[in-house]
PDB file of N, CA and C in Angstrom:
ATOM      1  N   MET A   1      21.102  -9.418  16.031  1.00  0.00           N
ATOM      2  CA  MET A   1      19.706  -9.671  16.357  1.00  0.00           C
ATOM      3  C   MET A   1      18.923  -9.963  15.083  1.00  0.00           C
ATOM      4  N   SER A   2      18.139 -10.988  15.112  1.00  0.00           N
ATOM      5  CA  SER A   2      17.328 -11.376  13.964  1.00  0.00           C
ATOM      6  C   SER A   2      16.026 -10.576  13.972  1.00  0.00           C
ATOM      7  N   ASP A   3      15.651 -10.049  12.841  1.00  0.00           N
ATOM      8  CA  ASP A   3      14.418  -9.282  12.715  1.00  0.00           C
ATOM      9  C   ASP A   3      13.476 -10.048  11.796  1.00  0.00           C
ATOM     10  N   GLU A   4      12.396 -10.511  12.364  1.00  0.00           N
ATOM     11  CA  GLU A   4      11.418 -11.314  11.620  1.00  0.00           C
ATOM     12  C   GLU A   4      10.893 -10.572  10.402  1.00  0.00           C
ATOM     13  N   LEU A   5      10.668  -9.277  10.528  1.00  0.00           N
ATOM     14  CA  LEU A   5      10.126  -8.521   9.401  1.00  0.00           C
ATOM     15  C   LEU A   5      11.120  -8.428   8.253  1.00  0.00           C
ATOM     16  N   GLN A   6      12.404  -8.269   8.575  1.00  0.00           N
ATOM     17  CA  GLN A   6      13.412  -8.184   7.526  1.00  0.00           C
ATOM     18  C   GLN A   6      13.596  -9.499   6.787  1.00  0.00           C
ATOM     19  N   SER A   7      13.119 -10.582   7.368  1.00  0.00           N
ATOM     20  CA  SER A   7      13.221 -11.868   6.679  1.00  0.00           C
ATOM     21  C   SER A   7      12.176 -12.005   5.575  1.00  0.00           C
ATOM     22  N   LEU A   8      11.201 -11.109   5.566  1.00  0.00           N
ATOM     23  CA  LEU A   8      10.158 -11.141   4.540  1.00  0.00           C
ATOM     24  C   LEU A   8      10.675 -10.510   3.249  1.00  0.00           C
ATOM     25  N   LYS A   9      10.158 -11.016   2.150  1.00  0.00           N
ATOM     26  CA  LYS A   9      10.480 -10.445   0.835  1.00  0.00           C
ATOM     27  C   LYS A   9      10.069  -8.974   0.837  1.00  0.00           C
ATOM     28  N   ASN A  10      10.873  -8.124   0.238  1.00  0.00           N
ATOM     29  CA  ASN A  10      10.612  -6.694   0.040  1.00  0.00           C
ATOM     30  C   ASN A  10      10.935  -5.797   1.225  1.00  0.00           C
ATOM     31  N   LEU A  11      11.045  -6.341   2.425  1.00  0.00           N
ATOM     32  CA  LEU A  11      11.226  -5.488   3.596  1.00  0.00           C
ATOM     33  C   LEU A  11      12.682  -5.472   4.030  1.00  0.00           C
ATOM     34  N   GLY A  12      13.248  -4.296   4.035  1.00  0.00           N
ATOM     35  CA  GLY A  12      14.633  -4.126   4.465  1.00  0.00           C
ATOM     36  C   GLY A  12      14.698  -3.446   5.811  1.00  0.00           C
ATOM     37  N   LYS A  13      15.873  -2.970   6.135  1.00  0.00           N
ATOM     38  CA  LYS A  13      16.121  -2.378   7.441  1.00  0.00           C
ATOM     39  C   LYS A  13      15.222  -1.170   7.718  1.00  0.00           C
ATOM     40  N   THR A  14      15.149  -0.252   6.782  1.00  0.00           N
ATOM     41  CA  THR A  14      14.365   0.968   7.006  1.00  0.00           C
ATOM     42  C   THR A  14      12.878   0.669   7.129  1.00  0.00           C
ATOM     43  N   SER A  15      12.338  -0.129   6.223  1.00  0.00           N
ATOM     44  CA  SER A  15      10.903  -0.430   6.306  1.00  0.00           C
ATOM     45  C   SER A  15      10.582  -1.193   7.590  1.00  0.00           C
ATOM     46  N   ALA A  16      11.457  -2.095   8.006  1.00  0.00           N
ATOM     47  CA  ALA A  16      11.245  -2.819   9.255  1.00  0.00           C
ATOM     48  C   ALA A  16      11.298  -1.856  10.449  1.00  0.00           C
ATOM     49  N   GLN A  17      12.226  -0.905  10.422  1.00  0.00           N
ATOM     50  CA  GLN A  17      12.312   0.075  11.508  1.00  0.00           C
ATOM     51  C   GLN A  17      11.043   0.915  11.582  1.00  0.00           C
ATOM     52  N   TRP A  18      10.533   1.326  10.429  1.00  0.00           N
ATOM     53  CA  TRP A  18       9.292   2.099  10.408  1.00  0.00           C
ATOM     54  C   TRP A  18       8.139   1.281  10.983  1.00  0.00           C
ATOM     55  N   LEU A  19       8.054   0.012  10.582  1.00  0.00           N
ATOM     56  CA  LEU A  19       6.978  -0.837  11.092  1.00  0.00           C
ATOM     57  C   LEU A  19       7.117  -1.048  12.599  1.00  0.00           C
ATOM     58  N   HIS A  20       8.334  -1.260  13.073  1.00  0.00           N
ATOM     59  CA  HIS A  20       8.548  -1.392  14.515  1.00  0.00           C
ATOM     60  C   HIS A  20       8.103  -0.116  15.234  1.00  0.00           C
ATOM     61  N   ALA A  21       8.392   1.039  14.649  1.00  0.00           N
ATOM     62  CA  ALA A  21       8.056   2.318  15.272  1.00  0.00           C
ATOM     63  C   ALA A  21       6.555   2.511  15.449  1.00  0.00           C
ATOM     64  N   VAL A  22       5.768   1.821  14.628  1.00  0.00           N
ATOM     65  CA  VAL A  22       4.300   1.933  14.746  1.00  0.00           C
ATOM     66  C   VAL A  22       3.692   0.720  15.442  1.00  0.00           C
ATOM     67  N   GLY A  23       4.540  -0.090  16.069  1.00  0.00           N
ATOM     68  CA  GLY A  23       4.041  -1.199  16.884  1.00  0.00           C
ATOM     69  C   GLY A  23       3.875  -2.524  16.174  1.00  0.00           C
ATOM     70  N   ILE A  24       4.414  -2.636  14.982  1.00  0.00           N
ATOM     71  CA  ILE A  24       4.341  -3.891  14.231  1.00  0.00           C
ATOM     72  C   ILE A  24       5.700  -4.567  14.353  1.00  0.00           C
ATOM     73  N   HIS A  25       5.737  -5.681  15.076  1.00  0.00           N
ATOM     74  CA  HIS A  25       7.006  -6.321  15.387  1.00  0.00           C
ATOM     75  C   HIS A  25       7.149  -7.733  14.831  1.00  0.00           C
ATOM     76  N   SER A  26       6.070  -8.275  14.270  1.00  0.00           N
ATOM     77  CA  SER A  26       6.128  -9.652  13.793  1.00  0.00           C
ATOM     78  C   SER A  26       5.265  -9.812  12.547  1.00  0.00           C
ATOM     79  N   VAL A  27       5.447 -10.938  11.896  1.00  0.00           N
ATOM     80  CA  VAL A  27       4.612 -11.257  10.736  1.00  0.00           C
ATOM     81  C   VAL A  27       3.151 -11.359  11.175  1.00  0.00           C
ATOM     82  N   THR A  28       2.926 -11.907  12.348  1.00  0.00           N
ATOM     83  CA  THR A  28       1.562 -12.024  12.875  1.00  0.00           C
ATOM     84  C   THR A  28       0.938 -10.642  13.033  1.00  0.00           C
ATOM     85  N   ASP A  29       1.692  -9.697  13.596  1.00  0.00           N
ATOM     86  CA  ASP A  29       1.190  -8.322  13.724  1.00  0.00           C
ATOM     87  C   ASP A  29       0.842  -7.755  12.354  1.00  0.00           C
ATOM     88  N   LEU A  30       1.744  -7.954  11.400  1.00  0.00           N
ATOM     89  CA  LEU A  30       1.556  -7.403  10.068  1.00  0.00           C
ATOM     90  C   LEU A  30       0.335  -8.007   9.385  1.00  0.00           C
ATOM     91  N   ARG A  31       0.153  -9.318   9.521  1.00  0.00           N
ATOM     92  CA  ARG A  31      -1.024  -9.967   8.924  1.00  0.00           C
ATOM     93  C   ARG A  31      -2.317  -9.454   9.562  1.00  0.00           C
ATOM     94  N   ARG A  32      -2.288  -9.283  10.873  1.00  0.00           N
ATOM     95  CA  ARG A  32      -3.481  -8.830  11.590  1.00  0.00           C
ATOM     96  C   ARG A  32      -3.869  -7.415  11.166  1.00  0.00           C
ATOM     97  N   ILE A  33      -2.881  -6.554  11.012  1.00  0.00           N
ATOM     98  CA  ILE A  33      -3.129  -5.153  10.679  1.00  0.00           C
ATOM     99  C   ILE A  33      -3.394  -4.961   9.191  1.00  0.00           C
ATOM    100  N   GLY A  34      -2.689  -5.703   8.368  1.00  0.00           N
ATOM    101  CA  GLY A  34      -2.850  -5.600   6.920  1.00  0.00           C
ATOM    102  C   GLY A  34      -1.985  -4.518   6.321  1.00  0.00           C
ATOM    103  N   ALA A  35      -1.750  -4.635   5.043  1.00  0.00           N
ATOM    104  CA  ALA A  35      -0.835  -3.735   4.344  1.00  0.00           C
ATOM    105  C   ALA A  35      -1.312  -2.285   4.360  1.00  0.00           C
ATOM    106  N   VAL A  36      -2.576  -2.060   4.090  1.00  0.00           N
ATOM    107  CA  VAL A  36      -3.085  -0.688   3.995  1.00  0.00           C
ATOM    108  C   VAL A  36      -2.997   0.013   5.345  1.00  0.00           C
ATOM    109  N   ASN A  37      -3.435  -0.645   6.391  1.00  0.00           N
ATOM    110  CA  ASN A  37      -3.387  -0.014   7.708  1.00  0.00           C
ATOM    111  C   ASN A  37      -1.960   0.148   8.217  1.00  0.00           C
ATOM    112  N   ALA A  38      -1.089  -0.787   7.899  1.00  0.00           N
ATOM    113  CA  ALA A  38       0.317  -0.646   8.283  1.00  0.00           C
ATOM    114  C   ALA A  38       0.925   0.561   7.573  1.00  0.00           C
ATOM    115  N   TYR A  39       0.657   0.694   6.301  1.00  0.00           N
ATOM    116  CA  TYR A  39       1.164   1.821   5.523  1.00  0.00           C
ATOM    117  C   TYR A  39       0.625   3.143   6.076  1.00  0.00           C
ATOM    118  N   ARG A  40      -0.644   3.188   6.380  1.00  0.00           N
ATOM    119  CA  ARG A  40      -1.246   4.398   6.944  1.00  0.00           C
ATOM    120  C   ARG A  40      -0.609   4.761   8.279  1.00  0.00           C
ATOM    121  N   ALA A  41      -0.322   3.757   9.095  1.00  0.00           N
ATOM    122  CA  ALA A  41       0.312   4.005  10.388  1.00  0.00           C
ATOM    123  C   ALA A  41       1.704   4.595  10.205  1.00  0.00           C
ATOM    124  N   VAL A  42       2.442   4.083   9.229  1.00  0.00           N
ATOM    125  CA  VAL A  42       3.783   4.611   8.952  1.00  0.00           C
ATOM    126  C   VAL A  42       3.689   6.078   8.523  1.00  0.00           C
ATOM    127  N   LEU A  43       2.751   6.394   7.642  1.00  0.00           N
ATOM    128  CA  LEU A  43       2.582   7.778   7.201  1.00  0.00           C
ATOM    129  C   LEU A  43       2.157   8.678   8.360  1.00  0.00           C
ATOM    130  N   ALA A  44       1.234   8.186   9.186  1.00  0.00           N
ATOM    131  CA  ALA A  44       0.731   8.962  10.316  1.00  0.00           C
ATOM    132  C   ALA A  44       1.845   9.275  11.315  1.00  0.00           C
ATOM    133  N   ARG A  45       2.821   8.407  11.384  1.00  0.00           N
ATOM    134  CA  ARG A  45       3.958   8.619  12.285  1.00  0.00           C
ATOM    135  C   ARG A  45       4.927   9.663  11.727  1.00  0.00           C
ATOM    136  N   GLY A  46       4.703  10.084  10.479  1.00  0.00           N
ATOM    137  CA  GLY A  46       5.507  11.147   9.895  1.00  0.00           C
ATOM    138  C   GLY A  46       6.632  10.681   8.991  1.00  0.00           C
ATOM    139  N   PHE A  47       6.721   9.385   8.767  1.00  0.00           N
ATOM    140  CA  PHE A  47       7.753   8.882   7.858  1.00  0.00           C
ATOM    141  C   PHE A  47       7.350   9.190   6.426  1.00  0.00           C
ATOM    142  N   ARG A  48       8.314   9.531   5.603  1.00  0.00           N
ATOM    143  CA  ARG A  48       8.058   9.884   4.203  1.00  0.00           C
ATOM    144  C   ARG A  48       8.195   8.640   3.336  1.00  0.00           C
ATOM    145  N   ALA A  49       7.176   7.857   3.330  1.00  0.00           N
ATOM    146  CA  ALA A  49       7.168   6.598   2.573  1.00  0.00           C
ATOM    147  C   ALA A  49       6.351   6.774   1.301  1.00  0.00           C
ATOM    148  N   SER A  50       6.841   6.207   0.224  1.00  0.00           N
ATOM    149  CA  SER A  50       6.107   6.248  -1.034  1.00  0.00           C
ATOM    150  C   SER A  50       5.121   5.077  -1.086  1.00  0.00           C
ATOM    151  N   ARG A  51       4.327   5.068  -2.128  1.00  0.00           N
ATOM    152  CA  ARG A  51       3.374   3.970  -2.309  1.00  0.00           C
ATOM    153  C   ARG A  51       4.076   2.635  -2.494  1.00  0.00           C
ATOM    154  N   VAL A  52       5.339   2.672  -2.887  1.00  0.00           N
ATOM    155  CA  VAL A  52       6.079   1.424  -3.037  1.00  0.00           C
ATOM    156  C   VAL A  52       6.099   0.658  -1.711  1.00  0.00           C
ATOM    157  N   LEU A  53       6.129   1.376  -0.584  1.00  0.00           N
ATOM    158  CA  LEU A  53       6.090   0.681   0.707  1.00  0.00           C
ATOM    159  C   LEU A  53       4.779  -0.084   0.853  1.00  0.00           C
ATOM    160  N   LEU A  54       3.684   0.512   0.450  1.00  0.00           N
ATOM    161  CA  LEU A  54       2.393  -0.181   0.500  1.00  0.00           C
ATOM    162  C   LEU A  54       2.459  -1.475  -0.300  1.00  0.00           C
ATOM    163  N   TYR A  55       2.984  -1.395  -1.514  1.00  0.00           N
ATOM    164  CA  TYR A  55       3.078  -2.578  -2.362  1.00  0.00           C
ATOM    165  C   TYR A  55       4.088  -3.579  -1.802  1.00  0.00           C
ATOM    166  N   ALA A  56       5.157  -3.066  -1.214  1.00  0.00           N
ATOM    167  CA  ALA A  56       6.174  -3.946  -0.626  1.00  0.00           C
ATOM    168  C   ALA A  56       5.598  -4.729   0.553  1.00  0.00           C
ATOM    169  N   ILE A  57       4.809  -4.069   1.376  1.00  0.00           N
ATOM    170  CA  ILE A  57       4.192  -4.759   2.515  1.00  0.00           C
ATOM    171  C   ILE A  57       3.228  -5.827   2.014  1.00  0.00           C
ATOM    172  N   GLU A  58       2.403  -5.471   1.050  1.00  0.00           N
ATOM    173  CA  GLU A  58       1.458  -6.453   0.499  1.00  0.00           C
ATOM    174  C   GLU A  58       2.212  -7.618  -0.126  1.00  0.00           C
ATOM    175  N   GLY A  59       3.244  -7.316  -0.886  1.00  0.00           N
ATOM    176  CA  GLY A  59       4.054  -8.374  -1.478  1.00  0.00           C
ATOM    177  C   GLY A  59       4.699  -9.243  -0.421  1.00  0.00           C
ATOM    178  N   ALA A  60       5.158  -8.629   0.669  1.00  0.00           N
ATOM    179  CA  ALA A  60       5.751  -9.400   1.760  1.00  0.00           C
ATOM    180  C   ALA A  60       4.741 -10.382   2.333  1.00  0.00           C
ATOM    181  N   LEU A  61       3.517  -9.929   2.493  1.00  0.00           N
ATOM    182  CA  LEU A  61       2.471 -10.806   3.031  1.00  0.00           C
ATOM    183  C   LEU A  61       2.121 -11.939   2.069  1.00  0.00           C
ATOM    184  N   LEU A  62       2.276 -11.679   0.783  1.00  0.00           N
ATOM    185  CA  LEU A  62       1.964 -12.687  -0.240  1.00  0.00           C
ATOM    186  C   LEU A  62       3.198 -13.460  -0.707  1.00  0.00           C
ATOM    187  N   ASP A  63       4.369 -13.075  -0.209  1.00  0.00           N
ATOM    188  CA  ASP A  63       5.650 -13.681  -0.577  1.00  0.00           C
ATOM    189  C   ASP A  63       5.933 -13.543  -2.072  1.00  0.00           C
ATOM    190  N   VAL A  64       5.700 -12.338  -2.590  1.00  0.00           N
ATOM    191  CA  VAL A  64       6.048 -12.012  -3.973  1.00  0.00           C
ATOM    192  C   VAL A  64       6.735 -10.654  -4.001  1.00  0.00           C
ATOM    193  N   HIS A  65       7.593 -10.438  -4.988  1.00  0.00           N
ATOM    194  CA  HIS A  65       8.221  -9.130  -5.135  1.00  0.00           C
ATOM    195  C   HIS A  65       7.124  -8.109  -5.416  1.00  0.00           C
ATOM    196  N   TRP A  66       7.253  -6.936  -4.817  1.00  0.00           N
ATOM    197  CA  TRP A  66       6.197  -5.930  -4.950  1.00  0.00           C
ATOM    198  C   TRP A  66       5.905  -5.582  -6.403  1.00  0.00           C
ATOM    199  N   ASN A  67       6.898  -5.623  -7.250  1.00  0.00           N
ATOM    200  CA  ASN A  67       6.698  -5.273  -8.643  1.00  0.00           C
ATOM    201  C   ASN A  67       5.963  -6.371  -9.416  1.00  0.00           C
ATOM    202  N   GLN A  68       5.825  -7.530  -8.814  1.00  0.00           N
ATOM    203  CA  GLN A  68       5.093  -8.631  -9.438  1.00  0.00           C
ATOM    204  C   GLN A  68       3.588  -8.583  -9.136  1.00  0.00           C
ATOM    205  N   LEU A  69       3.190  -7.681  -8.229  1.00  0.00           N
ATOM    206  CA  LEU A  69       1.751  -7.554  -7.952  1.00  0.00           C
ATOM    207  C   LEU A  69       1.059  -7.036  -9.214  1.00  0.00           C
ATOM    208  N   PRO A  70      -0.025  -7.664  -9.597  1.00  0.00           N
ATOM    209  CA  PRO A  70      -0.739  -7.182 -10.785  1.00  0.00           C
ATOM    210  C   PRO A  70      -1.245  -5.747 -10.584  1.00  0.00           C
ATOM    211  N   ARG A  71      -1.312  -5.013 -11.662  1.00  0.00           N
ATOM    212  CA  ARG A  71      -1.796  -3.630 -11.612  1.00  0.00           C
ATOM    213  C   ARG A  71      -3.150  -3.541 -10.910  1.00  0.00           C
ATOM    214  N   ALA A  72      -4.035  -4.469 -11.177  1.00  0.00           N
ATOM    215  CA  ALA A  72      -5.359  -4.438 -10.549  1.00  0.00           C
ATOM    216  C   ALA A  72      -5.253  -4.585  -9.028  1.00  0.00           C
ATOM    217  N   HIS A  73      -4.313  -5.386  -8.577  1.00  0.00           N
ATOM    218  CA  HIS A  73      -4.114  -5.567  -7.137  1.00  0.00           C
ATOM    219  C   HIS A  73      -3.612  -4.263  -6.516  1.00  0.00           C
ATOM    220  N   LYS A  74      -2.666  -3.606  -7.178  1.00  0.00           N
ATOM    221  CA  LYS A  74      -2.165  -2.323  -6.686  1.00  0.00           C
ATOM    222  C   LYS A  74      -3.281  -1.279  -6.672  1.00  0.00           C
ATOM    223  N   GLU A  75      -4.108  -1.285  -7.708  1.00  0.00           N
ATOM    224  CA  GLU A  75      -5.225  -0.341  -7.764  1.00  0.00           C
ATOM    225  C   GLU A  75      -6.214  -0.596  -6.631  1.00  0.00           C
ATOM    226  N   ALA A  76      -6.453  -1.871  -6.313  1.00  0.00           N
ATOM    227  CA  ALA A  76      -7.350  -2.210  -5.207  1.00  0.00           C
ATOM    228  C   ALA A  76      -6.780  -1.714  -3.877  1.00  0.00           C
ATOM    229  N   LEU A  77      -5.477  -1.846  -3.693  1.00  0.00           N
ATOM    230  CA  LEU A  77      -4.836  -1.320  -2.478  1.00  0.00           C
ATOM    231  C   LEU A  77      -4.998   0.200  -2.406  1.00  0.00           C
ATOM    232  N   ASN A  78      -4.770   0.864  -3.531  1.00  0.00           N
ATOM    233  CA  ASN A  78      -4.932   2.319  -3.566  1.00  0.00           C
ATOM    234  C   ASN A  78      -6.373   2.732  -3.303  1.00  0.00           C
ATOM    235  N   ASP A  79      -7.323   1.973  -3.827  1.00  0.00           N
ATOM    236  CA  ASP A  79      -8.743   2.259  -3.577  1.00  0.00           C
ATOM    237  C   ASP A  79      -9.064   2.126  -2.089  1.00  0.00           C
ATOM    238  N   GLN A  80      -8.535   1.075  -1.444  1.00  0.00           N
ATOM    239  CA  GLN A  80      -8.751   0.906  -0.002  1.00  0.00           C
ATOM    240  C   GLN A  80      -8.153   2.076   0.770  1.00  0.00           C
ATOM    241  N   LEU A  81      -6.958   2.461   0.393  1.00  0.00           N
ATOM    242  CA  LEU A  81      -6.274   3.568   1.050  1.00  0.00           C
ATOM    243  C   LEU A  81      -7.071   4.861   0.889  1.00  0.00           C
ATOM    244  N   ASN A  82      -7.519   5.134  -0.316  1.00  0.00           N
ATOM    245  CA  ASN A  82      -8.295   6.345  -0.578  1.00  0.00           C
ATOM    246  C   ASN A  82      -9.629   6.334   0.145  1.00  0.00           C
ATOM    247  N   ALA A  83     -10.275   5.175   0.208  1.00  0.00           N
ATOM    248  CA  ALA A  83     -11.555   5.066   0.910  1.00  0.00           C
ATOM    249  C   ALA A  83     -11.382   5.365   2.404  1.00  0.00           C
ATOM    250  N   LEU A  84     -10.326   4.831   2.991  1.00  0.00           N
ATOM    251  CA  LEU A  84     -10.074   5.104   4.409  1.00  0.00           C
ATOM    252  C   LEU A  84      -9.732   6.562   4.640  1.00  0.00           C
ATOM    253  N   ALA A  85      -8.972   7.153   3.741  1.00  0.00           N
ATOM    254  CA  ALA A  85      -8.626   8.570   3.873  1.00  0.00           C
ATOM    255  C   ALA A  85      -9.873   9.450   3.753  1.00  0.00           C
ATOM    256  N   SER A  86     -10.760   9.111   2.824  1.00  0.00           N
ATOM    257  CA  SER A  86     -11.998   9.869   2.650  1.00  0.00           C
ATOM    258  C   SER A  86     -12.898   9.730   3.863  1.00  0.00           C
ATOM    259  N   ARG A  87     -12.965   8.537   4.402  1.00  0.00           N
ATOM    260  CA  ARG A  87     -13.792   8.267   5.580  1.00  0.00           C
ATOM    261  C   ARG A  87     -13.308   9.082   6.775  1.00  0.00           C
ATOM    262  N   ASN A  88     -11.999   9.209   6.912  1.00  0.00           N
ATOM    263  CA  ASN A  88     -11.441   9.939   8.044  1.00  0.00           C
ATOM    264  C   ASN A  88     -11.580  11.443   7.899  1.00  0.00           C
ATOM    265  N   LYS A  89     -11.775  11.936   6.674  1.00  0.00           N
ATOM    266  CA  LYS A  89     -11.964  13.375   6.455  1.00  0.00           C
ATOM    267  C   LYS A  89     -13.389  13.791   6.779  1.00  0.00           C
ATOM    268  N   SER A  90     -14.313  12.843   6.760  1.00  0.00           N
ATOM    269  CA  SER A  90     -15.744  13.163   6.978  1.00  0.00           C
ATOM    270  C   SER A  90     -16.024  13.463   8.423  1.00  0.00           C
TER     271      SER A  90
END
């Protein structure tokens, strides 16, 4: 069976399975939800994913290796993640 998510750069079997488990089954789903919200959904489901998954998802959407994302881009992703986490604690 072909898995559209696994065809993206950075995403392997485990990350694709985690994304499927949270209802993300296609590139279209992933683009609509975005990297930060997809990552948050994976964490909320109880999977033990590191921040590398966040960068890997963003890199997949941009078609670049996650380690090629500029530091400022990674910091912006972390800022978005932290802002959403703070908002949900209020």
